[in-house]
Amino acid sequence: MGLAAAPLAWGSVIWVERRNVPNVSLLMHIGPAVEMAVWLAALVLTGWLLARLATALRSAWASWVAAVVAAALSTLCVHLTNWAVYDPKTYYAVHRYSFDAVAAGVRAGSIGTSDDYYGEPLPWHLRDLSTDGRASVAGDQDGEPVVFLPQWLGLPDDAGGYAYLAGEPRPDLEVNLYGARAYLAGGIRLGNGWWYVLPGD
């Protein structure tokens, strides 16, 4: 039974990840929870199957391989599942290496240069940092762009998410969160130029 369910479980994970449904309006609470539930179901089932296999083989090598596979799949779950709408600080801390890569791209001029209102697609390996896979310019200070990675999108307008500025924002620096205004310095300071900003901050 478990062996037959494994392809279904991982097929569900692949479907959820490939669909990349943006967190829009009420989906911002439902989408991440469903994504995490699908991942956890696949991980628990796979862990159970690997433990049974290692027990059946009665081999230390099989147990080691099972542990490595379980750890690798768990790492993928943490990387690909976005819980930022629930706890933006821990999501930033866990994905710090990816946020650093975006910041480096902004400083190098490869990210945050599009005039498109909703921005430009992030490099494929960084797209999970934004609910729509894009980075937009939400404002600027002294020629430095404020790059915005939305975590949720409102209907008909507004958004909330991570914003980056290479420098210290002035207290009066306003950013455009897809129609809603906020002061960057009114958001949650995460460090290294990153803030978590919501409409009304």
N, C-alpha and C. Protein backbone atom coordinates (compact mmCIF):
# COMPACT_ATOMS: atom_id res chain seq x y z
N MET A 1 0.83 -1.20 0.00
CA MET A 1 0.00 0.00 0.00
C MET A 1 0.87 1.26 0.00
N GLY A 2 1.87 1.30 0.92
CA GLY A 2 2.75 2.46 1.00
C GLY A 2 3.55 2.64 -0.26
N LEU A 3 4.01 1.53 -0.84
CA LEU A 3 4.81 1.61 -2.06
C LEU A 3 3.98 2.15 -3.22
N ALA A 4 2.72 1.77 -3.28
CA ALA A 4 1.84 2.26 -4.34
C ALA A 4 1.51 3.73 -4.14
N ALA A 5 1.47 4.19 -2.88
CA ALA A 5 1.11 5.58 -2.60
C ALA A 5 2.27 6.54 -2.84
N ALA A 6 3.50 6.04 -2.83
CA ALA A 6 4.67 6.92 -2.97
C ALA A 6 4.66 7.71 -4.28
N PRO A 7 4.40 7.07 -5.44
CA PRO A 7 4.36 7.88 -6.68
C PRO A 7 3.27 8.95 -6.65
N LEU A 8 2.12 8.61 -6.04
CA LEU A 8 1.04 9.59 -5.93
C LEU A 8 1.46 10.76 -5.05
N ALA A 9 2.11 10.45 -3.92
CA ALA A 9 2.54 11.50 -3.00
C ALA A 9 3.56 12.42 -3.66
N TRP A 10 4.56 11.85 -4.33
CA TRP A 10 5.58 12.69 -4.96
C TRP A 10 5.06 13.36 -6.23
N GLY A 11 4.10 12.71 -6.89
CA GLY A 11 3.45 13.37 -8.02
C GLY A 11 2.71 14.61 -7.57
N SER A 12 2.10 14.54 -6.38
CA SER A 12 1.40 15.70 -5.82
C SER A 12 2.39 16.82 -5.50
N VAL A 13 3.55 16.46 -4.96
CA VAL A 13 4.58 17.46 -4.66
C VAL A 13 5.03 18.16 -5.95
N ILE A 14 5.29 17.37 -6.97
CA ILE A 14 5.75 17.93 -8.24
C ILE A 14 4.67 18.84 -8.83
N TRP A 15 3.41 18.40 -8.75
CA TRP A 15 2.31 19.21 -9.29
C TRP A 15 2.22 20.55 -8.56
N VAL A 16 2.29 20.50 -7.22
CA VAL A 16 2.20 21.73 -6.42
C VAL A 16 3.34 22.67 -6.75
N GLU A 17 4.56 22.13 -6.87
CA GLU A 17 5.72 22.98 -7.14
C GLU A 17 5.69 23.54 -8.57
N ARG A 18 5.24 22.75 -9.52
CA ARG A 18 5.22 23.22 -10.91
C ARG A 18 4.10 24.23 -11.16
N ARG A 19 2.99 24.08 -10.46
CA ARG A 19 1.87 25.01 -10.63
C ARG A 19 2.22 26.39 -10.08
N ASN A 20 2.97 26.41 -8.99
CA ASN A 20 3.42 27.67 -8.39
C ASN A 20 2.27 28.68 -8.30
N VAL A 21 1.20 28.29 -7.63
CA VAL A 21 0.03 29.15 -7.48
C VAL A 21 0.39 30.31 -6.56
N PRO A 22 0.28 31.55 -7.03
CA PRO A 22 0.64 32.69 -6.17
C PRO A 22 -0.29 32.81 -4.96
N ASN A 23 0.24 33.34 -3.87
CA ASN A 23 -0.55 33.61 -2.66
C ASN A 23 -1.36 34.88 -2.90
N VAL A 24 -2.57 34.71 -3.40
CA VAL A 24 -3.42 35.85 -3.71
C VAL A 24 -4.59 35.88 -2.73
N SER A 25 -4.78 37.04 -2.11
CA SER A 25 -5.90 37.26 -1.19
C SER A 25 -5.97 36.16 -0.14
N LEU A 26 -7.09 35.45 -0.01
CA LEU A 26 -7.23 34.42 1.02
C LEU A 26 -6.32 33.23 0.80
N LEU A 27 -5.85 33.03 -0.43
CA LEU A 27 -4.93 31.92 -0.69
C LEU A 27 -3.62 32.07 0.05
N MET A 28 -3.32 33.30 0.51
CA MET A 28 -2.06 33.49 1.22
C MET A 28 -2.02 32.68 2.51
N HIS A 29 -3.18 32.30 3.04
CA HIS A 29 -3.21 31.44 4.23
C HIS A 29 -3.39 29.97 3.87
N ILE A 30 -4.01 29.71 2.73
CA ILE A 30 -4.31 28.34 2.35
C ILE A 30 -3.16 27.71 1.55
N GLY A 31 -2.64 28.46 0.58
CA GLY A 31 -1.61 27.93 -0.31
C GLY A 31 -0.39 27.37 0.41
N PRO A 32 0.27 28.15 1.27
CA PRO A 32 1.45 27.62 1.96
C PRO A 32 1.15 26.42 2.84
N ALA A 33 -0.03 26.41 3.49
CA ALA A 33 -0.38 25.28 4.35
C ALA A 33 -0.59 24.01 3.53
N VAL A 34 -1.25 24.14 2.38
CA VAL A 34 -1.46 22.97 1.51
C VAL A 34 -0.12 22.48 0.96
N GLU A 35 0.72 23.40 0.54
CA GLU A 35 2.04 23.02 0.02
C GLU A 35 2.84 22.26 1.08
N MET A 36 2.85 22.77 2.30
CA MET A 36 3.59 22.09 3.36
C MET A 36 2.99 20.72 3.68
N ALA A 37 1.65 20.63 3.69
CA ALA A 37 0.99 19.36 3.99
C ALA A 37 1.33 18.30 2.93
N VAL A 38 1.36 18.71 1.67
CA VAL A 38 1.69 17.77 0.59
C VAL A 38 3.13 17.28 0.74
N TRP A 39 4.05 18.22 1.01
CA TRP A 39 5.44 17.84 1.23
C TRP A 39 5.59 16.90 2.43
N LEU A 40 4.96 17.25 3.55
CA LEU A 40 5.10 16.42 4.75
C LEU A 40 4.54 15.03 4.55
N ALA A 41 3.42 14.92 3.83
CA ALA A 41 2.85 13.59 3.55
C ALA A 41 3.84 12.75 2.75
N ALA A 42 4.44 13.35 1.73
CA ALA A 42 5.42 12.62 0.91
C ALA A 42 6.66 12.27 1.72
N LEU A 43 7.12 13.18 2.57
CA LEU A 43 8.31 12.91 3.38
C LEU A 43 8.06 11.79 4.40
N VAL A 44 6.92 11.84 5.08
CA VAL A 44 6.61 10.81 6.08
C VAL A 44 6.49 9.45 5.41
N LEU A 45 5.79 9.38 4.29
CA LEU A 45 5.63 8.12 3.57
C LEU A 45 6.98 7.59 3.10
N THR A 46 7.80 8.47 2.54
CA THR A 46 9.11 8.05 2.05
C THR A 46 10.00 7.59 3.21
N GLY A 47 9.98 8.31 4.33
CA GLY A 47 10.76 7.91 5.49
C GLY A 47 10.35 6.54 6.00
N TRP A 48 9.04 6.31 6.03
CA TRP A 48 8.53 5.01 6.48
C TRP A 48 8.99 3.90 5.53
N LEU A 49 8.91 4.14 4.22
CA LEU A 49 9.35 3.14 3.24
C LEU A 49 10.85 2.87 3.34
N LEU A 50 11.63 3.94 3.51
CA LEU A 50 13.08 3.76 3.62
C LEU A 50 13.44 3.00 4.89
N ALA A 51 12.75 3.29 6.00
CA ALA A 51 13.02 2.57 7.25
C ALA A 51 12.68 1.09 7.10
N ARG A 52 11.58 0.78 6.42
CA ARG A 52 11.20 -0.62 6.19
C ARG A 52 12.23 -1.32 5.31
N LEU A 53 12.71 -0.61 4.29
CA LEU A 53 13.72 -1.18 3.40
C LEU A 53 15.01 -1.46 4.14
N ALA A 54 15.45 -0.51 4.95
CA ALA A 54 16.69 -0.70 5.71
C ALA A 54 16.55 -1.86 6.69
N THR A 55 15.38 -2.00 7.32
CA THR A 55 15.14 -3.11 8.26
C THR A 55 15.14 -4.44 7.52
N ALA A 56 14.51 -4.48 6.34
CA ALA A 56 14.45 -5.72 5.56
C ALA A 56 15.84 -6.14 5.09
N LEU A 57 16.66 -5.17 4.71
CA LEU A 57 18.01 -5.50 4.23
C LEU A 57 18.98 -5.79 5.37
N ARG A 58 18.64 -5.33 6.57
CA ARG A 58 19.49 -5.53 7.76
C ARG A 58 20.94 -5.15 7.47
N SER A 59 21.08 -3.97 6.92
CA SER A 59 22.40 -3.50 6.51
C SER A 59 22.62 -2.09 7.04
N ALA A 60 23.79 -1.87 7.63
CA ALA A 60 24.13 -0.53 8.10
C ALA A 60 24.25 0.43 6.91
N TRP A 61 24.73 -0.10 5.79
CA TRP A 61 24.86 0.72 4.58
C TRP A 61 23.49 1.19 4.11
N ALA A 62 22.50 0.32 4.11
CA ALA A 62 21.15 0.68 3.68
C ALA A 62 20.56 1.73 4.62
N SER A 63 20.83 1.59 5.91
CA SER A 63 20.33 2.58 6.88
C SER A 63 20.98 3.93 6.64
N TRP A 64 22.25 3.94 6.31
CA TRP A 64 22.96 5.19 6.03
C TRP A 64 22.40 5.86 4.78
N VAL A 65 22.19 5.08 3.72
CA VAL A 65 21.63 5.62 2.47
C VAL A 65 20.22 6.18 2.73
N ALA A 66 19.42 5.45 3.51
CA ALA A 66 18.06 5.90 3.84
C ALA A 66 18.10 7.23 4.58
N ALA A 67 19.04 7.37 5.52
CA ALA A 67 19.16 8.62 6.28
C ALA A 67 19.59 9.78 5.39
N VAL A 68 20.51 9.54 4.47
CA VAL A 68 20.98 10.59 3.56
C VAL A 68 19.84 11.03 2.63
N VAL A 69 19.10 10.07 2.09
CA VAL A 69 17.98 10.40 1.20
C VAL A 69 16.92 11.21 1.96
N ALA A 70 16.59 10.77 3.17
CA ALA A 70 15.60 11.49 3.98
C ALA A 70 16.06 12.91 4.28
N ALA A 71 17.35 13.08 4.60
CA ALA A 71 17.88 14.41 4.88
C ALA A 71 17.84 15.30 3.63
N ALA A 72 18.18 14.73 2.47
CA ALA A 72 18.18 15.50 1.23
C ALA A 72 16.76 15.95 0.87
N LEU A 73 15.80 15.05 1.03
CA LEU A 73 14.41 15.41 0.72
C LEU A 73 13.87 16.44 1.70
N SER A 74 14.26 16.33 2.97
CA SER A 74 13.83 17.32 3.97
C SER A 74 14.41 18.70 3.65
N THR A 75 15.66 18.72 3.19
CA THR A 75 16.28 19.99 2.80
C THR A 75 15.54 20.63 1.63
N LEU A 76 15.14 19.80 0.65
CA LEU A 76 14.36 20.32 -0.47
C LEU A 76 13.03 20.89 0.00
N CYS A 77 12.40 20.21 0.95
CA CYS A 77 11.13 20.69 1.49
C CYS A 77 11.30 22.07 2.11
N VAL A 78 12.34 22.23 2.91
CA VAL A 78 12.58 23.52 3.58
C VAL A 78 12.88 24.60 2.55
N HIS A 79 13.63 24.26 1.51
CA HIS A 79 14.00 25.25 0.50
C HIS A 79 12.81 25.66 -0.36
N LEU A 80 11.99 24.70 -0.76
CA LEU A 80 10.94 24.97 -1.74
C LEU A 80 9.60 25.39 -1.14
N THR A 81 9.41 25.18 0.16
CA THR A 81 8.15 25.54 0.79
C THR A 81 8.28 26.93 1.40
N ASN A 82 7.33 27.79 1.10
CA ASN A 82 7.42 29.17 1.57
C ASN A 82 6.44 29.43 2.71
N TRP A 83 6.99 29.62 3.90
CA TRP A 83 6.15 29.93 5.07
C TRP A 83 6.33 31.38 5.52
N ALA A 84 6.83 32.22 4.64
CA ALA A 84 7.13 33.61 5.00
C ALA A 84 5.91 34.38 5.47
N VAL A 85 4.71 34.05 4.96
CA VAL A 85 3.53 34.80 5.41
C VAL A 85 3.22 34.52 6.87
N TYR A 86 3.71 33.39 7.41
CA TYR A 86 3.49 33.05 8.81
C TYR A 86 4.61 33.57 9.71
N ASP A 87 5.86 33.46 9.23
CA ASP A 87 7.00 33.88 10.04
C ASP A 87 8.12 34.38 9.13
N PRO A 88 8.06 35.65 8.73
CA PRO A 88 9.05 36.16 7.78
C PRO A 88 10.48 36.15 8.30
N LYS A 89 10.66 36.26 9.62
CA LYS A 89 12.03 36.29 10.15
C LYS A 89 12.73 34.94 10.00
N THR A 90 12.04 33.85 10.37
CA THR A 90 12.70 32.54 10.25
C THR A 90 12.88 32.15 8.79
N TYR A 91 11.91 32.51 7.94
CA TYR A 91 12.07 32.19 6.52
C TYR A 91 13.31 32.90 5.97
N TYR A 92 13.47 34.16 6.34
CA TYR A 92 14.66 34.90 5.91
C TYR A 92 15.94 34.24 6.44
N ALA A 93 15.93 33.88 7.72
CA ALA A 93 17.13 33.29 8.33
C ALA A 93 17.51 31.97 7.66
N VAL A 94 16.52 31.14 7.37
CA VAL A 94 16.80 29.83 6.77
C VAL A 94 17.25 29.99 5.32
N HIS A 95 16.72 30.99 4.62
CA HIS A 95 17.04 31.19 3.21
C HIS A 95 18.00 32.35 3.00
N ARG A 96 18.76 32.66 4.00
CA ARG A 96 19.68 33.80 3.95
C ARG A 96 20.61 33.75 2.73
N TYR A 97 21.09 32.56 2.40
CA TYR A 97 22.01 32.42 1.25
C TYR A 97 21.32 32.86 -0.05
N SER A 98 20.03 32.57 -0.19
CA SER A 98 19.31 32.97 -1.41
C SER A 98 19.04 34.47 -1.41
N PHE A 99 18.68 35.02 -0.25
CA PHE A 99 18.48 36.48 -0.17
C PHE A 99 19.79 37.21 -0.45
N ASP A 100 20.91 36.66 0.03
CA ASP A 100 22.22 37.26 -0.27
C ASP A 100 22.49 37.26 -1.77
N ALA A 101 22.07 36.19 -2.45
CA ALA A 101 22.28 36.11 -3.90
C ALA A 101 21.45 37.16 -4.63
N VAL A 102 20.21 37.39 -4.17
CA VAL A 102 19.38 38.44 -4.77
C VAL A 102 20.03 39.81 -4.54
N ALA A 103 20.48 40.05 -3.31
CA ALA A 103 21.12 41.33 -2.99
C ALA A 103 22.35 41.56 -3.86
N ALA A 104 23.14 40.51 -4.07
CA ALA A 104 24.32 40.63 -4.93
C ALA A 104 23.90 40.97 -6.36
N GLY A 105 22.80 40.37 -6.82
CA GLY A 105 22.30 40.67 -8.17
C GLY A 105 21.82 42.11 -8.29
N VAL A 106 21.21 42.63 -7.23
CA VAL A 106 20.76 44.02 -7.23
C VAL A 106 21.98 44.95 -7.31
N ARG A 107 22.97 44.67 -6.49
CA ARG A 107 24.18 45.52 -6.49
C ARG A 107 24.92 45.44 -7.82
N ALA A 108 24.87 44.27 -8.46
CA ALA A 108 25.56 44.10 -9.75
C ALA A 108 24.74 44.64 -10.92
N GLY A 109 23.47 44.96 -10.68
CA GLY A 109 22.62 45.48 -11.75
C GLY A 109 21.94 44.42 -12.59
N SER A 110 21.97 43.17 -12.16
CA SER A 110 21.30 42.11 -12.93
C SER A 110 19.89 41.83 -12.42
N ILE A 111 19.54 42.34 -11.24
CA ILE A 111 18.20 42.20 -10.68
C ILE A 111 17.73 43.60 -10.27
N GLY A 112 16.47 43.90 -10.58
CA GLY A 112 15.92 45.19 -10.18
C GLY A 112 16.12 46.28 -11.20
N THR A 113 16.16 45.90 -12.47
CA THR A 113 16.37 46.90 -13.52
C THR A 113 15.18 47.04 -14.44
N SER A 114 14.15 46.19 -14.27
CA SER A 114 13.01 46.20 -15.17
C SER A 114 12.06 47.36 -14.86
N ASP A 115 11.49 47.95 -15.91
CA ASP A 115 10.48 48.99 -15.75
C ASP A 115 9.07 48.41 -15.63
N ASP A 116 8.94 47.10 -15.82
CA ASP A 116 7.64 46.45 -15.73
C ASP A 116 7.09 46.61 -14.31
N TYR A 117 5.80 46.93 -14.20
CA TYR A 117 5.18 47.18 -12.90
C TYR A 117 5.38 46.01 -11.93
N TYR A 118 5.20 44.79 -12.44
CA TYR A 118 5.36 43.61 -11.60
C TYR A 118 6.77 43.03 -11.65
N GLY A 119 7.67 43.73 -12.27
CA GLY A 119 9.07 43.35 -12.23
C GLY A 119 9.46 42.30 -13.24
N GLU A 120 10.58 41.66 -12.93
CA GLU A 120 11.18 40.69 -13.83
C GLU A 120 11.29 39.35 -13.12
N PRO A 121 11.31 38.25 -13.89
CA PRO A 121 11.48 36.94 -13.27
C PRO A 121 12.86 36.84 -12.60
N LEU A 122 12.86 36.28 -11.42
CA LEU A 122 14.13 36.00 -10.74
C LEU A 122 14.82 34.83 -11.44
N PRO A 123 16.13 34.67 -11.27
CA PRO A 123 16.78 33.45 -11.77
C PRO A 123 16.06 32.22 -11.22
N TRP A 124 16.00 31.15 -11.99
CA TRP A 124 15.16 30.00 -11.64
C TRP A 124 15.41 29.47 -10.24
N HIS A 125 16.66 29.49 -9.78
CA HIS A 125 16.98 28.91 -8.46
C HIS A 125 16.61 29.84 -7.31
N LEU A 126 16.15 31.05 -7.62
CA LEU A 126 15.74 32.00 -6.58
C LEU A 126 14.25 32.32 -6.62
N ARG A 127 13.52 31.73 -7.54
CA ARG A 127 12.12 32.11 -7.75
C ARG A 127 11.21 31.78 -6.58
N ASP A 128 11.59 30.83 -5.74
CA ASP A 128 10.74 30.51 -4.59
C ASP A 128 10.75 31.60 -3.53
N LEU A 129 11.62 32.59 -3.66
CA LEU A 129 11.65 33.69 -2.69
C LEU A 129 10.51 34.67 -2.89
N SER A 130 9.80 34.54 -3.98
CA SER A 130 8.72 35.47 -4.33
C SER A 130 7.50 34.66 -4.73
N THR A 131 6.32 35.07 -4.29
CA THR A 131 5.14 34.25 -4.59
C THR A 131 4.84 34.17 -6.08
N ASP A 132 5.23 35.18 -6.85
CA ASP A 132 5.01 35.11 -8.29
C ASP A 132 6.32 34.90 -9.05
N GLY A 133 7.41 34.63 -8.31
CA GLY A 133 8.69 34.36 -8.95
C GLY A 133 9.37 35.58 -9.54
N ARG A 134 8.90 36.77 -9.15
CA ARG A 134 9.41 38.00 -9.75
C ARG A 134 9.97 38.96 -8.70
N ALA A 135 10.82 39.87 -9.17
CA ALA A 135 11.35 40.96 -8.34
C ALA A 135 11.00 42.26 -9.04
N SER A 136 10.41 43.18 -8.28
CA SER A 136 10.02 44.46 -8.88
C SER A 136 10.73 45.60 -8.15
N VAL A 137 10.75 46.76 -8.79
CA VAL A 137 11.31 47.95 -8.18
C VAL A 137 10.17 48.71 -7.52
N ALA A 138 10.24 48.84 -6.19
CA ALA A 138 9.16 49.47 -5.42
C ALA A 138 9.47 50.92 -5.07
N GLY A 139 10.64 51.39 -5.40
CA GLY A 139 11.04 52.75 -5.09
C GLY A 139 12.54 52.90 -5.28
N ASP A 140 13.07 54.05 -4.90
CA ASP A 140 14.52 54.22 -4.95
C ASP A 140 14.94 55.31 -3.99
N GLN A 141 16.20 55.26 -3.65
CA GLN A 141 16.79 56.28 -2.77
C GLN A 141 18.18 56.60 -3.31
N ASP A 142 18.36 57.83 -3.70
CA ASP A 142 19.65 58.29 -4.22
C ASP A 142 20.16 57.40 -5.35
N GLY A 143 19.25 56.98 -6.23
CA GLY A 143 19.65 56.16 -7.37
C GLY A 143 19.74 54.68 -7.09
N GLU A 144 19.60 54.27 -5.83
CA GLU A 144 19.62 52.84 -5.48
C GLU A 144 18.19 52.32 -5.46
N PRO A 145 17.91 51.24 -6.21
CA PRO A 145 16.54 50.72 -6.23
C PRO A 145 16.18 50.00 -4.94
N VAL A 146 14.89 50.09 -4.60
CA VAL A 146 14.33 49.24 -3.56
C VAL A 146 13.67 48.09 -4.30
N VAL A 147 14.22 46.90 -4.16
CA VAL A 147 13.72 45.72 -4.87
C VAL A 147 12.78 44.95 -3.96
N PHE A 148 11.62 44.61 -4.51
CA PHE A 148 10.54 44.00 -3.74
C PHE A 148 10.27 42.58 -4.21
N LEU A 149 10.21 41.64 -3.25
CA LEU A 149 9.86 40.25 -3.51
C LEU A 149 8.53 39.97 -2.80
N PRO A 150 7.40 40.02 -3.52
CA PRO A 150 6.11 39.85 -2.84
C PRO A 150 5.93 38.44 -2.29
N GLN A 151 5.34 38.36 -1.12
CA GLN A 151 5.01 37.07 -0.52
C GLN A 151 3.52 36.79 -0.63
N TRP A 152 2.73 37.83 -0.80
CA TRP A 152 1.30 37.69 -1.06
C TRP A 152 0.84 38.89 -1.87
N LEU A 153 -0.23 38.68 -2.63
CA LEU A 153 -0.80 39.71 -3.47
C LEU A 153 -2.26 39.89 -3.08
N GLY A 154 -2.69 41.13 -2.92
CA GLY A 154 -4.07 41.39 -2.56
C GLY A 154 -4.94 41.57 -3.78
N LEU A 155 -6.24 41.56 -3.57
CA LEU A 155 -7.20 41.83 -4.63
C LEU A 155 -8.03 43.05 -4.23
N PRO A 156 -8.15 44.05 -5.06
CA PRO A 156 -7.57 44.15 -6.39
C PRO A 156 -6.12 44.63 -6.38
N ASP A 157 -5.70 45.30 -5.30
CA ASP A 157 -4.33 45.84 -5.24
C ASP A 157 -3.73 45.56 -3.87
N ASP A 158 -2.49 45.80 -3.75
CA ASP A 158 -1.60 45.74 -2.60
C ASP A 158 -0.87 44.41 -2.51
N ALA A 159 0.15 44.40 -1.68
CA ALA A 159 1.00 43.23 -1.51
C ALA A 159 1.84 43.42 -0.26
N GLY A 160 2.47 42.36 0.17
CA GLY A 160 3.41 42.42 1.28
C GLY A 160 4.55 41.48 0.99
N GLY A 161 5.72 41.80 1.52
CA GLY A 161 6.85 40.90 1.29
C GLY A 161 8.17 41.52 1.67
N TYR A 162 9.22 40.98 1.10
CA TYR A 162 10.59 41.38 1.41
C TYR A 162 11.03 42.51 0.47
N ALA A 163 11.75 43.46 1.03
CA ALA A 163 12.29 44.56 0.23
C ALA A 163 13.77 44.72 0.57
N TYR A 164 14.54 45.04 -0.45
CA TYR A 164 15.99 45.21 -0.27
C TYR A 164 16.42 46.58 -0.76
N LEU A 165 17.25 47.23 0.06
CA LEU A 165 17.89 48.48 -0.31
C LEU A 165 19.34 48.40 0.13
N ALA A 166 20.25 48.67 -0.80
CA ALA A 166 21.68 48.67 -0.47
C ALA A 166 22.02 49.97 0.24
N GLY A 167 21.71 50.04 1.52
CA GLY A 167 21.96 51.24 2.30
C GLY A 167 20.90 51.40 3.37
N GLU A 168 21.05 52.42 4.17
CA GLU A 168 20.09 52.71 5.24
C GLU A 168 18.97 53.58 4.70
N PRO A 169 17.72 53.15 4.81
CA PRO A 169 16.63 53.98 4.27
C PRO A 169 16.37 55.21 5.14
N ARG A 170 16.05 56.30 4.48
CA ARG A 170 15.60 57.47 5.22
C ARG A 170 14.23 57.18 5.83
N PRO A 171 13.88 57.80 6.94
CA PRO A 171 12.58 57.53 7.56
C PRO A 171 11.40 57.84 6.65
N ASP A 172 11.58 58.76 5.69
CA ASP A 172 10.46 59.13 4.83
C ASP A 172 10.46 58.39 3.49
N LEU A 173 11.32 57.37 3.33
CA LEU A 173 11.38 56.63 2.07
C LEU A 173 10.13 55.75 1.92
N GLU A 174 9.27 56.10 0.95
CA GLU A 174 8.06 55.33 0.70
C GLU A 174 8.30 54.32 -0.41
N VAL A 175 7.65 53.17 -0.29
CA VAL A 175 7.71 52.16 -1.33
C VAL A 175 6.30 51.85 -1.80
N ASN A 176 6.20 51.43 -3.06
CA ASN A 176 4.92 51.09 -3.68
C ASN A 176 4.76 49.58 -3.65
N LEU A 177 3.84 49.09 -2.83
CA LEU A 177 3.57 47.67 -2.72
C LEU A 177 2.36 47.34 -3.60
N TYR A 178 2.55 47.48 -4.90
CA TYR A 178 1.50 47.21 -5.89
C TYR A 178 0.22 47.98 -5.58
N GLY A 179 0.35 49.24 -5.36
CA GLY A 179 -0.81 50.09 -5.13
C GLY A 179 -0.95 50.56 -3.71
N ALA A 180 -0.36 49.89 -2.76
CA ALA A 180 -0.37 50.33 -1.35
C ALA A 180 0.96 51.00 -1.05
N ARG A 181 0.93 51.97 -0.18
CA ARG A 181 2.15 52.70 0.18
C ARG A 181 2.60 52.27 1.57
N ALA A 182 3.90 52.26 1.78
CA ALA A 182 4.47 51.95 3.09
C ALA A 182 5.82 52.62 3.20
N TYR A 183 6.21 52.92 4.43
CA TYR A 183 7.56 53.42 4.68
C TYR A 183 8.47 52.22 4.90
N LEU A 184 9.54 52.16 4.12
CA LEU A 184 10.44 51.01 4.23
C LEU A 184 10.94 50.85 5.66
N ALA A 185 11.34 51.94 6.29
CA ALA A 185 11.88 51.88 7.65
C ALA A 185 10.81 51.50 8.68
N GLY A 186 9.53 51.50 8.28
CA GLY A 186 8.46 51.09 9.18
C GLY A 186 8.26 49.59 9.22
N GLY A 187 8.93 48.89 8.30
CA GLY A 187 8.81 47.43 8.25
C GLY A 187 9.69 46.75 9.29
N ILE A 188 9.79 45.44 9.19
CA ILE A 188 10.63 44.65 10.10
C ILE A 188 12.03 44.60 9.52
N ARG A 189 13.00 45.11 10.28
CA ARG A 189 14.40 45.08 9.83
C ARG A 189 14.94 43.66 10.00
N LEU A 190 15.44 43.08 8.91
CA LEU A 190 15.99 41.72 8.94
C LEU A 190 17.51 41.72 8.90
N GLY A 191 18.09 42.82 8.44
CA GLY A 191 19.54 42.91 8.36
C GLY A 191 20.04 42.80 6.93
N ASN A 192 21.25 43.27 6.71
CA ASN A 192 21.91 43.20 5.40
C ASN A 192 21.09 43.86 4.29
N GLY A 193 20.36 44.92 4.66
CA GLY A 193 19.58 45.66 3.67
C GLY A 193 18.18 45.13 3.45
N TRP A 194 17.80 44.05 4.11
CA TRP A 194 16.48 43.44 3.90
C TRP A 194 15.48 43.86 4.96
N TRP A 195 14.23 44.06 4.51
CA TRP A 195 13.11 44.42 5.36
C TRP A 195 11.91 43.58 4.97
N TYR A 196 11.02 43.34 5.92
CA TYR A 196 9.72 42.74 5.59
C TYR A 196 8.70 43.85 5.75
N VAL A 197 8.00 44.18 4.65
CA VAL A 197 7.14 45.36 4.61
C VAL A 197 5.71 44.97 4.26
N LEU A 198 4.78 45.58 4.99
CA LEU A 198 3.35 45.38 4.75
C LEU A 198 2.69 46.72 4.47
N PRO A 199 1.56 46.72 3.76
CA PRO A 199 0.85 47.99 3.54
C PRO A 199 0.55 48.68 4.88
N GLY A 200 0.78 49.97 4.91
CA GLY A 200 0.52 50.74 6.11
C GLY A 200 1.71 50.88 7.04
N ASP A 201 2.80 50.16 6.79
CA ASP A 201 3.99 50.31 7.64
C ASP A 201 4.54 51.72 7.53
